Every structure is written in C-alpha cells, then in structure tokens.
Amino acid sequence: MTEKEMQEHACKKLLKKVVDSGQNYTEKMKSDLKEIIDHSKSPEEICRATLVYFSMYRWQ
C-alpha cells in the first residue's frame, strides 16, 4: 500500500467516525454516507456526493 493509499484509508476511516458520532443522523443516513465515503475515489468526490445527498434529503 502506497503512502497516498494509506492517507486515503485513514481519511475515510476518520470520516466514518464523524458520521457515526452525528447525533442528528438516522441509521439510514449513516449507512448512506458511509457508502458514499467508501465508493468515492477522491476527497472532492466525497464532498460533491455528500452535498448532493444532503440537498436531496428531506429533513423531518
């Protein structure tokens, strides 16, 4: 594993911990966000996909 891959893995792991600690997120949201994190190939892609997700999510 290259240094860049190790950094990406560590960043994704940290983002998932942030999602887990979100008290206002439902379990479905947490699952969706973790899936976005897992499948995104760059930080920019994670950001873009997360923004799209929240713009389409209906807060209740």
C-alpha atoms as a PDB file:
ATOM      1  CA  MET A   1       0.000   0.000   0.000  1.00  0.00           C
ATOM      2  CA  THR A   2       1.453   3.355  -1.006  1.00  0.00           C
ATOM      3  CA  GLU A   3       1.623   6.336   1.292  1.00  0.00           C
ATOM      4  CA  LYS A   4      -1.174   8.055  -0.643  1.00  0.00           C
ATOM      5  CA  GLU A   5      -3.411   4.991  -0.304  1.00  0.00           C
ATOM      6  CA  MET A   6      -2.683   4.840   3.436  1.00  0.00           C
ATOM      7  CA  GLN A   7      -3.630   8.518   3.790  1.00  0.00           C
ATOM      8  CA  GLU A   8      -6.867   7.980   1.848  1.00  0.00           C
ATOM      9  CA  HIS A   9      -7.729   4.977   4.017  1.00  0.00           C
ATOM     10  CA  ALA A  10      -7.047   6.935   7.213  1.00  0.00           C
ATOM     11  CA  CYS A  11      -9.113   9.882   5.978  1.00  0.00           C
ATOM     12  CA  LYS A  12     -12.061   7.650   5.069  1.00  0.00           C
ATOM     13  CA  LYS A  13     -11.853   5.909   8.452  1.00  0.00           C
ATOM     14  CA  LEU A  14     -11.925   9.280  10.218  1.00  0.00           C
ATOM     15  CA  LEU A  15     -14.873  10.491   8.136  1.00  0.00           C
ATOM     16  CA  LYS A  16     -16.819   7.349   9.040  1.00  0.00           C
ATOM     17  CA  LYS A  17     -16.179   8.038  12.743  1.00  0.00           C
ATOM     18  CA  VAL A  18     -17.517  11.566  12.269  1.00  0.00           C
ATOM     19  CA  VAL A  19     -20.636  10.142  10.612  1.00  0.00           C
ATOM     20  CA  ASP A  20     -21.083   7.650  13.466  1.00  0.00           C
ATOM     21  CA  SER A  21     -20.944  10.433  16.038  1.00  0.00           C
ATOM     22  CA  GLY A  22     -23.616  12.502  14.246  1.00  0.00           C
ATOM     23  CA  GLN A  23     -26.469  12.564  16.738  1.00  0.00           C
ATOM     24  CA  ASN A  24     -28.962  14.012  14.254  1.00  0.00           C
ATOM     25  CA  TYR A  25     -28.328  11.346  11.610  1.00  0.00           C
ATOM     26  CA  THR A  26     -30.640   8.367  11.283  1.00  0.00           C
ATOM     27  CA  GLU A  27     -29.137   4.908  10.817  1.00  0.00           C
ATOM     28  CA  LYS A  28     -30.148   5.074   7.141  1.00  0.00           C
ATOM     29  CA  MET A  29     -28.313   8.363   6.705  1.00  0.00           C
ATOM     30  CA  LYS A  30     -25.221   6.982   8.423  1.00  0.00           C
ATOM     31  CA  SER A  31     -25.276   3.963   6.160  1.00  0.00           C
ATOM     32  CA  ASP A  32     -25.752   6.101   3.041  1.00  0.00           C
ATOM     33  CA  LEU A  33     -22.944   8.480   3.986  1.00  0.00           C
ATOM     34  CA  LYS A  34     -20.548   5.629   4.750  1.00  0.00           C
ATOM     35  CA  GLU A  35     -21.348   4.139   1.364  1.00  0.00           C
ATOM     36  CA  ILE A  36     -20.568   7.475  -0.285  1.00  0.00           C
ATOM     37  CA  ILE A  37     -17.256   7.591   1.574  1.00  0.00           C
ATOM     38  CA  ASP A  38     -16.369   4.024   0.593  1.00  0.00           C
ATOM     39  CA  HIS A  39     -17.167   4.390  -3.096  1.00  0.00           C
ATOM     40  CA  SER A  40     -15.674   7.830  -3.700  1.00  0.00           C
ATOM     41  CA  LYS A  41     -12.214   7.954  -5.201  1.00  0.00           C
ATOM     42  CA  SER A  42     -11.124  11.416  -4.030  1.00  0.00           C
ATOM     43  CA  PRO A  43     -11.901  13.967  -1.312  1.00  0.00           C
ATOM     44  CA  GLU A  44     -13.537  16.167  -3.954  1.00  0.00           C
ATOM     45  CA  GLU A  45     -15.819  13.324  -4.986  1.00  0.00           C
ATOM     46  CA  ILE A  46     -16.772  12.668  -1.350  1.00  0.00           C
ATOM     47  CA  CYS A  47     -17.589  16.344  -0.886  1.00  0.00           C
ATOM     48  CA  ARG A  48     -19.607  16.570  -4.089  1.00  0.00           C
ATOM     49  CA  ALA A  49     -21.579  13.380  -3.404  1.00  0.00           C
ATOM     50  CA  THR A  50     -22.275  14.408   0.193  1.00  0.00           C
ATOM     51  CA  LEU A  51     -23.535  17.824  -0.888  1.00  0.00           C
ATOM     52  CA  VAL A  52     -25.814  16.227  -3.466  1.00  0.00           C
ATOM     53  CA  TYR A  53     -27.079  13.743  -0.868  1.00  0.00           C
ATOM     54  CA  PHE A  54     -27.943  16.467   1.654  1.00  0.00           C
ATOM     55  CA  SER A  55     -29.520  18.692  -0.988  1.00  0.00           C
ATOM     56  CA  MET A  56     -31.896  15.849  -1.868  1.00  0.00           C
ATOM     57  CA  TYR A  57     -32.543  14.643   1.693  1.00  0.00           C
ATOM     58  CA  ARG A  58     -35.779  15.758   3.325  1.00  0.00           C
ATOM     59  CA  TRP A  59     -35.216  16.727   6.950  1.00  0.00           C
ATOM     60  CA  GLN A  60     -38.134  15.824   9.159  1.00  0.00           C
END
